[in-house]
Amino acid sequence: MSTGEVKARYYTLASVSTMLAWGLEYYDIILFSTLSSILESVFRLSLVTFWFAFAVTYFARPLGALIFGYLGDRFGRRLTTAVDAALMGLASLSIGLLPSYAQIGIAAPITLYVIRIIQGIGLGGEAGGGATWALEQVNPRWKPLLNGVMYSGLSWAVFLTGAISILVEGVIGHKAFTVSGWRILFYIGAALALIALVIRLLGIESPEWLKARESGTLRGVPIANRRVWGINMLILLMINLGLTIYYYGGLGYWPYILPNIIAPHMGISKKVAEDYVYWLVVYGGLGAVIGEVLSGLTVISLGIRRSFIYPSILLALTSPIAVYLAFTLSPSAIYASLITGILFGLAAAPQTIYFTSLFPVESRWSAVSLGWNINAAIGPFGSLALALLVKSTVASPNVLIAGSLIMILGSLLVLTGALIKPSSLYAKPGEDYIH
């Protein structure tokens, strides 16, 4: 079956399943940092042990990329994506059901770490893998537009995490939410993974992968393909690392920074800061959704590399303004969050189209997923660096520089990676926007 023969409903459903499953990545980032105070209390975690519980998922992701990349490139995309969705859903459900430290003692945080490792292995397979499976089915003419919608799952997750947190706490009350209501948010994550799992089980295999199998080009160890390692992998690592640390060292960790570091210095209650940052998350997530959905138009009109260049420049310029407004708890910060969200979405969504065109089909999942998840393992260090920088400068005006430094560095990495010309491209006929 050629790509052009794939019915629209199949590649649309594949994109929707990836939107849901991959959305759990950012859902997890925001959820874990938003619930930091509650989770620290429930599982008796300090600043460092909480960060480790947050980060251990990301340290496990390269392992997941290697496992699922091998399976996806050697034995097929569809069932492999179903397994990683199931693993993520099971992990999210397990956290929601996990007894507290008061109930089972030290076994609670230890079990939390184990579950987070399992969750990381699943996320390592999904990041890059689900998109590879979906995009290999899409008609080239519609690929940029559908890719933007698919990628928006990451930011829908950010938006929904803030919105659902506000809704659930508003319905059951703050006290009930801190006691057990927070678990509902993890159950919702498991439900999203279940929907993605069902869609994938009803989907079809990638026509490009089937063609590679029929032609005998599949490899015993896909990641060992020499065409994986070189300038194209460097491009992937630079662009993706830039966007990763921009987010982890910015809005993605503000739900921890503002209530726990900024608010005490300002003499503001943690609860006020938590409510404030919920709205920053909602507006930032909504802005990113807008940017990601619109990214298809920028890719078609500007070409793939310029679609990174222009937004990254604007992100570097606007980051200090966004940080100043957020760290002073200005009401205008929600609009800055919306604008930076749009710019981030415009820069982030084209990654999946570009990266899947940098590598041959027989090694594509392994290459894209490993590169993506190496950066994911580095990302939490951006959060830790942000926390340490802000904590050490919170009493001085330098806190605004410290708070935006990682975001600016991330933007410049994206710009540099986008300026590098790839050594080869594996675009299909009709994908002129890739060149």
Protein backbone atom coordinates (compact mmCIF):
# COMPACT_ATOMS: atom_id res chain seq x y z
CA MET A 1 0.00 0.00 0.00
CA SER A 2 1.46 3.38 -0.96
CA THR A 3 1.14 6.46 1.19
CA GLY A 4 -1.26 8.01 -1.30
CA GLU A 5 -3.64 5.07 -0.89
CA VAL A 6 -4.03 5.45 2.85
CA LYS A 7 -7.53 6.57 3.67
CA ALA A 8 -7.79 9.90 5.44
CA ARG A 9 -9.54 8.37 8.44
CA TYR A 10 -6.55 6.12 9.16
CA TYR A 11 -3.89 8.81 9.21
CA THR A 12 -6.22 11.21 10.99
CA LEU A 13 -6.88 8.70 13.77
CA ALA A 14 -3.16 7.88 13.94
CA SER A 15 -2.44 11.59 14.42
CA VAL A 16 -5.15 11.87 17.10
CA SER A 17 -3.73 8.89 19.01
CA THR A 18 -0.26 10.47 18.94
CA MET A 19 -1.73 13.80 20.01
CA LEU A 20 -3.23 12.08 23.08
CA ALA A 21 -0.31 9.80 23.98
CA TRP A 22 2.47 12.30 23.37
CA GLY A 23 0.44 14.93 25.20
CA LEU A 24 1.10 12.92 28.36
CA GLU A 25 4.71 14.17 28.22
CA TYR A 26 3.83 17.79 28.92
CA TYR A 27 0.81 16.79 31.00
CA ASP A 28 3.28 15.01 33.26
CA ILE A 29 5.73 17.95 33.40
CA ILE A 30 3.08 20.46 34.38
CA LEU A 31 1.14 18.07 36.61
CA PHE A 32 4.19 17.06 38.62
CA SER A 33 5.42 20.62 39.11
CA THR A 34 1.90 21.98 39.74
CA LEU A 35 1.30 19.37 42.43
CA SER A 36 4.78 19.79 43.92
CA SER A 37 3.61 20.94 47.35
CA ILE A 38 1.07 18.14 47.62
CA LEU A 39 3.41 15.41 46.38
CA GLU A 40 6.21 16.58 48.69
CA SER A 41 3.82 16.21 51.62
CA VAL A 42 2.18 12.94 50.56
CA PHE A 43 5.46 11.15 49.81
CA ARG A 44 7.75 13.07 52.25
CA LEU A 45 9.98 14.56 49.57
CA SER A 46 12.51 17.39 49.90
CA LEU A 47 13.44 19.84 47.12
CA VAL A 48 16.17 17.45 45.93
CA THR A 49 14.22 14.18 46.27
CA PHE A 50 11.19 15.76 44.61
CA TRP A 51 13.39 16.91 41.71
CA PHE A 52 14.78 13.37 41.46
CA ALA A 53 11.26 11.90 41.36
CA PHE A 54 10.49 14.39 38.59
CA ALA A 55 13.75 13.79 36.72
CA VAL A 56 14.11 10.01 36.96
CA THR A 57 11.39 9.59 34.33
CA TYR A 58 13.48 11.62 31.91
CA PHE A 59 16.69 9.77 32.73
CA ALA A 60 14.92 6.52 31.75
CA ARG A 61 13.68 7.86 28.44
CA PRO A 62 16.80 7.15 26.31
CA LEU A 63 16.48 3.50 27.39
CA GLY A 64 12.86 3.53 26.23
CA ALA A 65 13.96 5.10 22.95
CA LEU A 66 16.47 2.32 22.35
CA ILE A 67 13.99 -0.46 23.21
CA PHE A 68 10.98 0.87 21.32
CA GLY A 69 13.08 2.28 18.49
CA TYR A 70 14.53 -1.17 17.87
CA LEU A 71 11.09 -2.81 18.01
CA GLY A 72 9.45 -0.17 15.84
CA ASP A 73 12.12 -0.20 13.13
CA ARG A 74 12.57 -3.98 13.08
CA PHE A 75 9.07 -5.38 13.66
CA GLY A 76 6.62 -2.61 12.78
CA ARG A 77 5.23 0.68 14.02
CA ARG A 78 1.60 0.11 14.97
CA LEU A 79 1.78 -2.54 17.71
CA THR A 80 4.92 -0.97 19.14
CA THR A 81 3.13 2.35 19.59
CA ALA A 82 0.24 0.49 21.26
CA VAL A 83 2.60 -1.04 23.81
CA ASP A 84 4.23 2.28 24.74
CA ALA A 85 0.79 3.91 25.17
CA ALA A 86 -0.26 1.06 27.46
CA LEU A 87 2.90 1.43 29.54
CA MET A 88 2.37 5.18 30.02
CA GLY A 89 -1.27 4.72 30.95
CA LEU A 90 -0.45 2.00 33.48
CA ALA A 91 2.19 4.21 35.10
CA SER A 92 -0.16 7.19 35.39
CA LEU A 93 -2.88 5.01 36.93
CA SER A 94 -0.39 3.50 39.37
CA ILE A 95 0.69 6.92 40.67
CA GLY A 96 -2.97 7.82 41.22
CA LEU A 97 -3.46 4.63 43.26
CA LEU A 98 -0.15 4.74 45.16
CA PRO A 99 -0.55 4.84 48.97
CA SER A 100 1.03 7.71 50.88
CA TYR A 101 4.13 7.73 53.10
CA ALA A 102 1.83 7.77 56.12
CA GLN A 103 0.28 4.50 54.95
CA ILE A 104 3.28 2.43 53.82
CA GLY A 105 6.32 4.42 54.92
CA ILE A 106 9.51 4.57 52.87
CA ALA A 107 8.01 2.12 50.36
CA ALA A 108 5.85 4.98 49.05
CA PRO A 109 8.63 7.22 47.61
CA ILE A 110 10.63 4.17 46.46
CA THR A 111 7.62 2.81 44.58
CA LEU A 112 7.02 6.26 43.14
CA TYR A 113 10.57 6.26 41.73
CA VAL A 114 10.04 2.80 40.18
CA ILE A 115 6.76 3.85 38.57
CA ARG A 116 8.36 7.00 37.23
CA ILE A 117 11.13 4.92 35.63
CA ILE A 118 8.53 2.71 33.92
CA GLN A 119 6.69 5.83 32.80
CA GLY A 120 9.95 7.18 31.35
CA ILE A 121 10.57 4.02 29.34
CA GLY A 122 7.09 4.36 27.80
CA LEU A 123 7.57 8.06 27.11
CA GLY A 124 10.93 7.30 25.53
CA GLY A 125 9.21 5.11 22.97
CA GLU A 126 6.37 7.52 22.33
CA ALA A 127 8.44 10.68 21.82
CA GLY A 128 9.36 10.48 18.17
CA GLY A 129 7.89 7.02 17.62
CA GLY A 130 4.20 7.86 17.57
CA ALA A 131 4.84 10.79 15.25
CA THR A 132 6.92 8.61 12.92
CA TRP A 133 4.09 6.09 12.59
CA ALA A 134 1.46 8.77 12.01
CA LEU A 135 3.42 10.94 9.56
CA GLU A 136 4.46 7.98 7.44
CA GLN A 137 0.78 7.54 6.60
CA VAL A 138 -0.10 11.15 5.79
CA ASN A 139 -0.51 12.54 2.28
CA PRO A 140 2.41 15.00 1.73
CA ARG A 141 0.00 17.79 0.82
CA TRP A 142 -1.69 17.64 4.23
CA LYS A 143 1.32 16.71 6.33
CA PRO A 144 2.28 20.21 7.64
CA LEU A 145 -1.31 21.02 8.63
CA LEU A 146 -2.04 17.66 10.24
CA ASN A 147 1.34 17.67 11.95
CA GLY A 148 0.50 20.97 13.64
CA VAL A 149 -2.75 19.55 14.98
CA MET A 150 -1.00 16.35 16.10
CA TYR A 151 1.82 18.20 17.87
CA SER A 152 -0.69 20.45 19.63
CA GLY A 153 -1.43 17.51 21.91
CA LEU A 154 1.61 18.53 23.94
CA SER A 155 0.21 21.99 24.54
CA TRP A 156 -3.39 20.91 24.90
CA ALA A 157 -2.02 18.86 27.77
CA VAL A 158 -0.46 21.98 29.32
CA PHE A 159 -3.70 23.90 28.92
CA LEU A 160 -5.84 21.05 30.26
CA THR A 161 -3.57 20.40 33.26
CA GLY A 162 -4.03 23.95 34.48
CA ALA A 163 -7.72 24.07 33.58
CA ILE A 164 -8.56 20.67 35.11
CA SER A 165 -6.61 21.49 38.28
CA ILE A 166 -8.62 24.70 38.70
CA LEU A 167 -11.88 22.88 37.93
CA VAL A 168 -11.35 19.88 40.23
CA GLU A 169 -10.13 22.00 43.14
CA GLY A 170 -13.01 24.42 42.62
CA VAL A 171 -15.57 21.61 42.73
CA ILE A 172 -14.29 19.59 45.70
CA GLY A 173 -12.50 22.36 47.62
CA HIS A 174 -8.83 22.97 48.40
CA LYS A 175 -8.67 20.66 51.44
CA ALA A 176 -10.21 17.66 49.66
CA PHE A 177 -8.01 18.31 46.64
CA THR A 178 -4.79 18.20 48.72
CA VAL A 179 -5.92 15.03 50.55
CA SER A 180 -7.00 12.85 47.62
CA GLY A 181 -8.51 14.96 44.82
CA TRP A 182 -5.13 15.38 43.15
CA ARG A 183 -5.25 11.68 42.23
CA ILE A 184 -8.06 12.40 39.78
CA LEU A 185 -5.58 14.19 37.52
CA PHE A 186 -3.49 11.03 37.18
CA TYR A 187 -6.59 8.96 36.42
CA ILE A 188 -7.38 11.39 33.60
CA GLY A 189 -3.88 10.84 32.19
CA ALA A 190 -4.45 7.08 32.24
CA ALA A 191 -7.77 7.51 30.43
CA LEU A 192 -6.09 9.51 27.63
CA ALA A 193 -3.50 6.76 27.18
CA LEU A 194 -6.29 4.16 27.02
CA ILE A 195 -8.02 6.04 24.20
CA ALA A 196 -4.72 6.25 22.29
CA LEU A 197 -4.18 2.52 22.83
CA VAL A 198 -7.58 1.59 21.41
CA ILE A 199 -7.08 3.80 18.33
CA ARG A 200 -3.71 2.24 17.64
CA LEU A 201 -5.01 -1.30 17.93
CA LEU A 202 -7.61 -0.41 15.29
CA GLY A 203 -5.10 1.37 13.02
CA ILE A 204 -2.91 0.18 10.13
CA GLU A 205 0.79 -0.41 9.68
CA SER A 206 2.99 2.30 8.18
CA PRO A 207 3.07 1.91 4.36
CA GLU A 208 6.64 3.24 4.28
CA TRP A 209 7.80 0.64 6.79
CA LEU A 210 6.00 -2.13 4.89
CA LYS A 211 7.74 -1.05 1.69
CA ALA A 212 11.12 -1.10 3.45
CA ARG A 213 10.45 -4.61 4.74
CA GLU A 214 9.41 -5.85 1.30
CA SER A 215 12.53 -4.35 -0.29
CA GLY A 216 14.80 -5.96 2.32
CA THR A 217 16.30 -2.69 3.63
CA LEU A 218 15.43 -3.28 7.30
CA ARG A 219 18.49 -3.59 9.52
CA GLY A 220 19.36 -5.89 12.39
CA VAL A 221 20.42 -2.98 14.61
CA PRO A 222 18.69 0.13 13.20
CA ILE A 223 20.52 2.63 15.39
CA ALA A 224 23.89 1.34 14.07
CA ASN A 225 23.08 2.68 10.59
CA ARG A 226 25.93 5.05 9.71
CA ARG A 227 23.41 7.45 8.14
CA VAL A 228 21.99 8.07 11.62
CA TRP A 229 25.18 9.58 13.00
CA GLY A 230 26.47 12.83 11.55
CA ILE A 231 25.35 16.35 10.78
CA ASN A 232 21.66 15.42 10.71
CA MET A 233 21.74 14.05 14.25
CA LEU A 234 23.58 17.21 15.35
CA ILE A 235 20.77 19.32 13.84
CA LEU A 236 18.15 17.30 15.68
CA LEU A 237 20.01 17.49 18.98
CA MET A 238 20.56 21.25 18.78
CA ILE A 239 17.03 22.25 17.78
CA ASN A 240 15.33 19.85 20.15
CA LEU A 241 17.66 20.56 23.07
CA GLY A 242 17.08 24.28 22.61
CA LEU A 243 13.31 23.90 22.78
CA THR A 244 13.58 21.40 25.63
CA ILE A 245 15.63 23.58 27.95
CA TYR A 246 13.61 26.65 26.95
CA TYR A 247 10.50 24.97 28.27
CA TYR A 248 11.94 23.05 31.24
CA GLY A 249 13.93 26.12 32.26
CA GLY A 250 10.92 28.41 31.86
CA LEU A 251 7.15 28.09 31.99
CA GLY A 252 7.33 24.33 32.46
CA TYR A 253 8.86 24.77 35.92
CA TRP A 254 7.26 28.03 36.94
CA PRO A 255 4.54 26.12 38.86
CA TYR A 256 7.34 25.16 41.25
CA ILE A 257 9.42 28.36 41.13
CA LEU A 258 6.69 30.93 41.79
CA PRO A 259 4.96 29.37 44.85
CA ASN A 260 8.11 27.96 46.47
CA ILE A 261 10.79 30.61 45.79
CA ILE A 262 9.29 33.86 44.47
CA ALA A 263 6.17 34.04 46.66
CA PRO A 264 7.92 33.59 50.05
CA HIS A 265 10.37 36.37 49.17
CA MET A 266 7.50 38.68 48.22
CA GLY A 267 5.56 37.82 51.37
CA ILE A 268 2.73 36.31 49.33
CA SER A 269 1.01 33.07 50.35
CA LYS A 270 1.86 29.92 48.43
CA LYS A 271 -1.83 29.40 47.62
CA VAL A 272 -2.09 32.80 45.93
CA ALA A 273 1.00 32.06 43.85
CA GLU A 274 -0.32 28.60 42.93
CA ASP A 275 -3.61 30.05 41.70
CA TYR A 276 -1.72 32.71 39.77
CA VAL A 277 0.60 30.24 38.05
CA TYR A 278 -2.33 27.99 37.11
CA TRP A 279 -3.55 30.80 34.87
CA LEU A 280 -0.10 31.35 33.38
CA VAL A 281 -0.05 27.66 32.49
CA VAL A 282 -3.53 27.85 30.96
CA TYR A 283 -2.72 30.89 28.81
CA GLY A 284 0.71 29.56 27.86
CA GLY A 285 -0.76 26.21 26.86
CA LEU A 286 -3.53 27.88 24.87
CA GLY A 287 -0.99 30.08 23.08
CA ALA A 288 1.15 27.07 22.20
CA VAL A 289 -1.88 25.26 20.77
CA ILE A 290 -2.57 28.27 18.54
CA GLY A 291 1.07 28.39 17.41
CA GLU A 292 1.25 24.67 16.73
CA VAL A 293 -1.97 24.59 14.71
CA LEU A 294 -0.75 27.59 12.68
CA SER A 295 2.71 26.09 12.19
CA GLY A 296 1.53 24.13 9.15
CA LEU A 297 0.92 27.40 7.35
CA THR A 298 4.36 28.77 8.25
CA VAL A 299 6.05 25.57 7.09
CA ILE A 300 4.24 25.72 3.74
CA SER A 301 4.87 29.45 3.23
CA LEU A 302 8.38 29.84 4.72
CA GLY A 303 9.91 26.38 4.38
CA ILE A 304 10.93 24.12 7.23
CA ARG A 305 14.16 25.78 8.40
CA ARG A 306 12.82 29.35 8.44
CA SER A 307 9.92 28.04 10.52
CA PHE A 308 12.45 27.58 13.32
CA ILE A 309 14.57 30.65 12.69
CA TYR A 310 12.03 33.46 13.02
CA PRO A 311 10.17 32.21 16.13
CA SER A 312 13.43 31.38 17.95
CA ILE A 313 14.68 34.95 17.49
CA LEU A 314 11.42 36.32 18.89
CA LEU A 315 11.51 33.88 21.81
CA ALA A 316 14.97 35.10 22.79
CA LEU A 317 13.82 38.74 22.66
CA THR A 318 10.56 38.25 24.60
CA SER A 319 11.82 35.90 27.33
CA PRO A 320 13.09 38.63 29.72
CA ILE A 321 9.75 40.47 29.46
CA ALA A 322 7.76 37.32 30.20
CA VAL A 323 9.97 36.50 33.20
CA TYR A 324 9.74 40.05 34.60
CA LEU A 325 5.94 40.04 34.44
CA ALA A 326 5.64 36.53 35.90
CA PHE A 327 8.16 37.02 38.72
CA THR A 328 6.47 40.24 39.80
CA LEU A 329 3.08 38.47 39.67
CA SER A 330 1.81 41.11 37.26
CA PRO A 331 -1.74 40.59 35.90
CA SER A 332 -0.29 41.25 32.43
CA ALA A 333 1.85 38.12 32.66
CA ILE A 334 -0.99 36.00 31.27
CA TYR A 335 -0.78 37.90 27.97
CA ALA A 336 2.99 37.52 27.84
CA SER A 337 2.50 33.83 28.54
CA LEU A 338 0.00 33.64 25.68
CA ILE A 339 2.40 35.34 23.24
CA THR A 340 5.43 33.26 24.20
CA GLY A 341 3.22 30.18 23.99
CA ILE A 342 2.29 31.04 20.39
CA LEU A 343 5.95 31.59 19.46
CA PHE A 344 7.00 28.37 21.17
CA GLY A 345 4.29 26.43 19.35
CA LEU A 346 5.36 27.85 15.99
CA ALA A 347 8.95 26.76 16.64
CA ALA A 348 8.21 23.39 18.25
CA ALA A 349 5.65 21.76 15.97
CA PRO A 350 7.79 21.61 12.78
CA GLN A 351 10.29 19.38 14.61
CA THR A 352 8.42 16.18 13.82
CA ILE A 353 8.20 16.85 10.08
CA TYR A 354 11.83 17.96 9.86
CA PHE A 355 13.35 15.24 12.01
CA THR A 356 11.52 12.37 10.30
CA SER A 357 12.86 13.67 6.97
CA LEU A 358 16.46 13.63 8.24
CA PHE A 359 16.71 9.83 8.53
CA PRO A 360 15.91 6.80 6.33
CA VAL A 361 12.81 4.78 7.13
CA GLU A 362 14.74 1.68 8.30
CA SER A 363 16.32 3.66 11.17
CA ARG A 364 13.89 6.56 11.51
CA TRP A 365 12.15 5.67 14.77
CA SER A 366 15.45 4.76 16.49
CA ALA A 367 17.21 7.95 15.35
CA VAL A 368 14.44 10.45 16.04
CA SER A 369 13.43 8.87 19.33
CA LEU A 370 16.97 8.49 20.71
CA GLY A 371 17.98 12.04 19.80
CA TRP A 372 14.75 13.44 21.23
CA ASN A 373 15.04 11.49 24.46
CA ILE A 374 18.71 12.19 25.07
CA ASN A 375 17.59 15.80 25.23
CA ALA A 376 14.64 14.86 27.43
CA ALA A 377 17.10 13.38 29.93
CA ILE A 378 19.00 16.70 29.92
CA GLY A 379 15.83 18.78 30.25
CA PRO A 380 15.27 18.40 34.01
CA PHE A 381 18.73 19.85 34.60
CA GLY A 382 17.31 23.01 33.03
CA SER A 383 14.62 22.97 35.72
CA LEU A 384 17.17 22.35 38.46
CA ALA A 385 19.44 25.09 37.12
CA LEU A 386 16.51 27.50 37.01
CA ALA A 387 15.56 26.69 40.61
CA LEU A 388 19.14 27.15 41.85
CA LEU A 389 19.69 30.34 39.85
CA VAL A 390 16.45 31.92 41.04
CA LYS A 391 16.93 30.83 44.64
CA SER A 392 20.44 32.31 44.75
CA THR A 393 19.39 35.65 43.22
CA VAL A 394 15.82 36.04 44.50
CA ALA A 395 16.78 38.94 46.77
CA SER A 396 18.46 40.94 43.99
CA PRO A 397 17.42 42.46 40.65
CA ASN A 398 19.59 39.81 39.00
CA VAL A 399 16.78 37.33 39.55
CA LEU A 400 15.17 38.55 36.32
CA ILE A 401 18.35 37.81 34.37
CA ALA A 402 18.74 34.46 36.09
CA GLY A 403 15.11 33.59 35.42
CA SER A 404 15.37 34.18 31.67
CA LEU A 405 18.94 32.98 31.03
CA ILE A 406 18.10 29.37 30.20
CA MET A 407 15.20 30.41 27.96
CA ILE A 408 17.50 32.71 25.96
CA LEU A 409 20.18 30.04 25.64
CA GLY A 410 17.56 27.57 24.46
CA SER A 411 16.30 29.97 21.81
CA LEU A 412 19.83 30.53 20.49
CA LEU A 413 20.42 26.77 20.27
CA VAL A 414 17.31 26.41 18.12
CA LEU A 415 18.46 29.23 15.87
CA THR A 416 21.93 27.72 15.45
CA GLY A 417 20.59 24.26 14.66
CA ALA A 418 18.16 25.64 12.09
CA LEU A 419 20.95 27.52 10.29
CA ILE A 420 22.93 24.29 9.69
CA LYS A 421 22.25 22.68 6.32
CA PRO A 422 21.45 18.94 6.53
CA SER A 423 23.73 16.45 4.79
CA SER A 424 20.79 14.59 3.24
CA LEU A 425 17.00 14.57 3.26
CA TYR A 426 14.51 11.72 2.89
CA ALA A 427 11.50 13.77 1.83
CA LYS A 428 8.83 12.27 -0.44
CA PRO A 429 7.56 13.78 -3.70
CA GLY A 430 5.27 16.69 -2.90
CA GLU A 431 7.19 17.69 0.24
CA ASP A 432 8.88 20.73 -1.29
CA TYR A 433 8.57 22.62 2.01
CA ILE A 434 11.24 20.31 3.49
CA HIS A 435 14.05 21.56 1.23
